Amino acid sequence: MLAARRATDKHLHVYGLGGVTYQPLLLYLGVDSFDSSAFIRSAGNRNYLMPGFGGEPLKNVEGLTHLPCACPVCSTRSYDMIRDDRDLLVQHNLWALALELRRFRYMHAAGEDLEAYLDLRFQGNEVTQRAYKMAKQQVRRLS
């Protein structure tokens, strides 16, 4: 991807990859856009996406007094309503992905330390940590 990014000024789009796990990594590598059905698949698997953290089985947030999200879905509905309506969970998950995207793009535009954010973001997941470590090496090598 880095080679493709460096080869052109044109918009770089990646098809079929861009869920909550890999979205920040793709942005770090210079991808401009991506499409994904991860928000739908996650809802089908009963996963509640949380910006900055990834996905969590819906049953693990059941005991919380308030849902950990202020999106239009979560701020106006109860846990039970979201649990019982897959479409609401899909809408929440889409909001979560959009928020992660906006946060990353804002940090980039503001000159924030993206690597510090990604170091924290990928903590605890060995697979994404390895992918990020390789990406960071390539980015630094080509910079």
C-alpha atoms as a PDB file:
ATOM      1  CA  MET A   1       0.000   0.000   0.000  1.00  0.00           C
ATOM      2  CA  LEU A   2       2.822   2.377   0.751  1.00  0.00           C
ATOM      3  CA  ALA A   3       4.235   1.805  -2.726  1.00  0.00           C
ATOM      4  CA  ALA A   4       0.826   2.548  -4.253  1.00  0.00           C
ATOM      5  CA  ARG A   5       0.495   5.673  -2.114  1.00  0.00           C
ATOM      6  CA  ARG A   6       3.935   6.931  -3.126  1.00  0.00           C
ATOM      7  CA  ALA A   7       3.362   6.174  -6.823  1.00  0.00           C
ATOM      8  CA  THR A   8       0.465   8.578  -7.287  1.00  0.00           C
ATOM      9  CA  ASP A   9      -1.278  11.673  -5.993  1.00  0.00           C
ATOM     10  CA  LYS A  10      -4.607  10.105  -6.903  1.00  0.00           C
ATOM     11  CA  HIS A  11      -7.164   8.969  -4.387  1.00  0.00           C
ATOM     12  CA  LEU A  12      -6.239   5.548  -2.947  1.00  0.00           C
ATOM     13  CA  HIS A  13      -9.223   3.326  -2.141  1.00  0.00           C
ATOM     14  CA  VAL A  14      -9.084  -0.165  -0.633  1.00  0.00           C
ATOM     15  CA  TYR A  15     -12.029  -2.461  -1.277  1.00  0.00           C
ATOM     16  CA  GLY A  16     -13.511  -4.739   1.367  1.00  0.00           C
ATOM     17  CA  LEU A  17     -11.169  -3.946   4.250  1.00  0.00           C
ATOM     18  CA  GLY A  18     -11.799  -1.233   6.760  1.00  0.00           C
ATOM     19  CA  GLY A  19     -13.367  -2.464   9.952  1.00  0.00           C
ATOM     20  CA  VAL A  20     -12.755  -0.992  13.367  1.00  0.00           C
ATOM     21  CA  THR A  21      -9.537  -2.992  13.756  1.00  0.00           C
ATOM     22  CA  TYR A  22      -7.801  -2.070  10.519  1.00  0.00           C
ATOM     23  CA  GLN A  23      -9.316   1.332   9.741  1.00  0.00           C
ATOM     24  CA  PRO A  24      -6.663   3.302  11.702  1.00  0.00           C
ATOM     25  CA  LEU A  25      -3.872   1.215  10.187  1.00  0.00           C
ATOM     26  CA  LEU A  26      -5.104   1.835   6.639  1.00  0.00           C
ATOM     27  CA  LEU A  27      -5.274   5.570   7.317  1.00  0.00           C
ATOM     28  CA  TYR A  28      -1.760   5.508   8.768  1.00  0.00           C
ATOM     29  CA  LEU A  29      -0.552   3.851   5.560  1.00  0.00           C
ATOM     30  CA  GLY A  30      -2.024   6.683   3.490  1.00  0.00           C
ATOM     31  CA  VAL A  31      -5.241   5.084   2.273  1.00  0.00           C
ATOM     32  CA  ASP A  32      -7.816   7.775   1.523  1.00  0.00           C
ATOM     33  CA  SER A  33     -10.938   5.647   1.678  1.00  0.00           C
ATOM     34  CA  PHE A  34     -12.169   2.096   2.042  1.00  0.00           C
ATOM     35  CA  ASP A  35     -15.413   0.239   2.082  1.00  0.00           C
ATOM     36  CA  SER A  36     -16.421  -2.367   4.533  1.00  0.00           C
ATOM     37  CA  SER A  37     -19.397  -4.291   5.762  1.00  0.00           C
ATOM     38  CA  ALA A  38     -17.715  -4.772   9.156  1.00  0.00           C
ATOM     39  CA  PHE A  39     -20.350  -2.721  10.954  1.00  0.00           C
ATOM     40  CA  ILE A  40     -23.063  -5.036   9.604  1.00  0.00           C
ATOM     41  CA  ARG A  41     -21.111  -8.253  10.213  1.00  0.00           C
ATOM     42  CA  SER A  42     -20.225  -7.121  13.730  1.00  0.00           C
ATOM     43  CA  ALA A  43     -23.872  -6.472  14.522  1.00  0.00           C
ATOM     44  CA  GLY A  44     -24.768  -9.891  13.115  1.00  0.00           C
ATOM     45  CA  ASN A  45     -22.212 -11.410  15.481  1.00  0.00           C
ATOM     46  CA  ARG A  46     -23.687  -9.325  18.325  1.00  0.00           C
ATOM     47  CA  ASN A  47     -20.556  -7.164  18.686  1.00  0.00           C
ATOM     48  CA  TYR A  48     -20.779  -3.593  19.929  1.00  0.00           C
ATOM     49  CA  LEU A  49     -18.080  -1.441  18.310  1.00  0.00           C
ATOM     50  CA  MET A  50     -16.371   1.147  20.487  1.00  0.00           C
ATOM     51  CA  PRO A  51     -14.176   3.840  18.906  1.00  0.00           C
ATOM     52  CA  GLY A  52     -10.614   3.560  20.121  1.00  0.00           C
ATOM     53  CA  PHE A  53     -11.153   0.101  21.563  1.00  0.00           C
ATOM     54  CA  GLY A  54     -12.508  -2.206  18.882  1.00  0.00           C
ATOM     55  CA  GLY A  55     -15.431  -4.550  19.277  1.00  0.00           C
ATOM     56  CA  GLU A  56     -16.913  -6.087  22.372  1.00  0.00           C
ATOM     57  CA  PRO A  57     -19.517  -8.847  22.597  1.00  0.00           C
ATOM     58  CA  LEU A  58     -22.815  -7.119  23.308  1.00  0.00           C
ATOM     59  CA  LYS A  59     -23.396  -9.274  26.385  1.00  0.00           C
ATOM     60  CA  ASN A  60     -20.249  -7.751  27.983  1.00  0.00           C
ATOM     61  CA  VAL A  61     -21.797  -4.274  28.088  1.00  0.00           C
ATOM     62  CA  GLU A  62     -25.115  -5.526  29.459  1.00  0.00           C
ATOM     63  CA  GLY A  63     -24.492  -4.621  33.104  1.00  0.00           C
ATOM     64  CA  LEU A  64     -23.407  -1.037  32.443  1.00  0.00           C
ATOM     65  CA  THR A  65     -25.646   1.747  33.720  1.00  0.00           C
ATOM     66  CA  HIS A  66     -24.957   3.790  30.577  1.00  0.00           C
ATOM     67  CA  LEU A  67     -23.735   2.612  27.207  1.00  0.00           C
ATOM     68  CA  PRO A  68     -20.186   3.868  26.511  1.00  0.00           C
ATOM     69  CA  CYS A  69     -21.250   5.829  23.457  1.00  0.00           C
ATOM     70  CA  ALA A  70     -23.016   9.133  22.853  1.00  0.00           C
ATOM     71  CA  CYS A  71     -24.097   8.431  19.268  1.00  0.00           C
ATOM     72  CA  PRO A  72     -27.731   9.182  18.318  1.00  0.00           C
ATOM     73  CA  VAL A  73     -28.619   5.502  18.725  1.00  0.00           C
ATOM     74  CA  CYS A  74     -27.112   4.954  22.178  1.00  0.00           C
ATOM     75  CA  SER A  75     -28.007   8.336  23.624  1.00  0.00           C
ATOM     76  CA  THR A  76     -31.728   7.893  22.962  1.00  0.00           C
ATOM     77  CA  ARG A  77     -32.231   4.169  23.556  1.00  0.00           C
ATOM     78  CA  SER A  78     -31.680   1.618  26.265  1.00  0.00           C
ATOM     79  CA  TYR A  79     -29.316  -1.329  26.137  1.00  0.00           C
ATOM     80  CA  ASP A  80     -32.320  -3.662  25.853  1.00  0.00           C
ATOM     81  CA  MET A  81     -33.674  -1.791  22.825  1.00  0.00           C
ATOM     82  CA  ILE A  82     -30.321  -1.962  21.033  1.00  0.00           C
ATOM     83  CA  ARG A  83     -29.794  -5.607  21.996  1.00  0.00           C
ATOM     84  CA  ASP A  84     -33.217  -6.565  20.637  1.00  0.00           C
ATOM     85  CA  ASP A  85     -33.025  -4.613  17.366  1.00  0.00           C
ATOM     86  CA  ARG A  86     -30.184  -5.626  15.055  1.00  0.00           C
ATOM     87  CA  ASP A  87     -30.784  -2.575  12.853  1.00  0.00           C
ATOM     88  CA  LEU A  88     -30.097  -0.281  15.816  1.00  0.00           C
ATOM     89  CA  LEU A  89     -26.860  -2.137  16.539  1.00  0.00           C
ATOM     90  CA  VAL A  90     -25.872  -1.791  12.858  1.00  0.00           C
ATOM     91  CA  GLN A  91     -26.547   1.965  13.034  1.00  0.00           C
ATOM     92  CA  HIS A  92     -24.518   2.309  16.242  1.00  0.00           C
ATOM     93  CA  ASN A  93     -21.611   0.348  14.735  1.00  0.00           C
ATOM     94  CA  LEU A  94     -21.605   2.576  11.653  1.00  0.00           C
ATOM     95  CA  TRP A  95     -21.473   5.655  13.904  1.00  0.00           C
ATOM     96  CA  ALA A  96     -18.575   4.087  15.835  1.00  0.00           C
ATOM     97  CA  LEU A  97     -16.589   3.521  12.630  1.00  0.00           C
ATOM     98  CA  ALA A  98     -17.324   7.052  11.413  1.00  0.00           C
ATOM     99  CA  LEU A  99     -16.209   8.537  14.739  1.00  0.00           C
ATOM    100  CA  GLU A 100     -12.927   6.611  14.653  1.00  0.00           C
ATOM    101  CA  LEU A 101     -12.331   7.873  11.113  1.00  0.00           C
ATOM    102  CA  ARG A 102     -13.067  11.488  12.069  1.00  0.00           C
ATOM    103  CA  ARG A 103     -10.872  11.288  15.160  1.00  0.00           C
ATOM    104  CA  PHE A 104      -7.919   9.979  13.169  1.00  0.00           C
ATOM    105  CA  ARG A 105      -8.306  12.554  10.393  1.00  0.00           C
ATOM    106  CA  TYR A 106      -8.620  15.369  12.935  1.00  0.00           C
ATOM    107  CA  MET A 107      -5.479  14.230  14.758  1.00  0.00           C
ATOM    108  CA  HIS A 108      -3.601  14.038  11.462  1.00  0.00           C
ATOM    109  CA  ALA A 109      -4.724  17.514  10.367  1.00  0.00           C
ATOM    110  CA  ALA A 110      -3.856  18.956  13.796  1.00  0.00           C
ATOM    111  CA  GLY A 111      -0.356  17.498  13.668  1.00  0.00           C
ATOM    112  CA  GLU A 112      -0.960  15.183  16.620  1.00  0.00           C
ATOM    113  CA  ASP A 113       1.362  12.247  17.313  1.00  0.00           C
ATOM    114  CA  LEU A 114      -0.435   9.519  15.363  1.00  0.00           C
ATOM    115  CA  GLU A 115       2.079   6.861  16.330  1.00  0.00           C
ATOM    116  CA  ALA A 116       1.461   7.465  20.048  1.00  0.00           C
ATOM    117  CA  TYR A 117      -2.280   7.107  19.410  1.00  0.00           C
ATOM    118  CA  LEU A 118      -1.785   3.937  17.377  1.00  0.00           C
ATOM    119  CA  ASP A 119       0.603   2.472  19.969  1.00  0.00           C
ATOM    120  CA  LEU A 120      -2.254   2.709  22.475  1.00  0.00           C
ATOM    121  CA  ARG A 121      -4.926   1.752  19.957  1.00  0.00           C
ATOM    122  CA  PHE A 122      -3.289  -1.558  19.041  1.00  0.00           C
ATOM    123  CA  GLN A 123      -2.262  -2.509  22.561  1.00  0.00           C
ATOM    124  CA  GLY A 124      -3.597  -5.867  23.663  1.00  0.00           C
ATOM    125  CA  ASN A 125      -4.091  -7.416  20.226  1.00  0.00           C
ATOM    126  CA  GLU A 126      -1.022  -9.348  19.163  1.00  0.00           C
ATOM    127  CA  VAL A 127      -2.030  -9.655  15.504  1.00  0.00           C
ATOM    128  CA  THR A 128      -2.708  -5.955  14.992  1.00  0.00           C
ATOM    129  CA  GLN A 129       0.373  -5.037  17.031  1.00  0.00           C
ATOM    130  CA  ARG A 130       2.527  -7.048  14.614  1.00  0.00           C
ATOM    131  CA  ALA A 131       0.822  -5.523  11.579  1.00  0.00           C
ATOM    132  CA  TYR A 132       1.254  -2.035  13.016  1.00  0.00           C
ATOM    133  CA  LYS A 133       4.905  -2.666  13.899  1.00  0.00           C
ATOM    134  CA  MET A 134       5.614  -3.735  10.305  1.00  0.00           C
ATOM    135  CA  ALA A 135       3.711  -0.743   8.927  1.00  0.00           C
ATOM    136  CA  LYS A 136       5.568   1.653  11.225  1.00  0.00           C
ATOM    137  CA  GLN A 137       8.917   0.252  10.074  1.00  0.00           C
ATOM    138  CA  GLN A 138       7.939   0.715   6.429  1.00  0.00           C
ATOM    139  CA  VAL A 139       6.596   4.232   6.970  1.00  0.00           C
ATOM    140  CA  ARG A 140       9.771   5.277   8.757  1.00  0.00           C
ATOM    141  CA  ARG A 141      11.968   3.623   6.131  1.00  0.00           C
ATOM    142  CA  LEU A 142      10.214   5.438   3.295  1.00  0.00           C
ATOM    143  CA  SER A 143       9.968   8.808   5.042  1.00  0.00           C
END
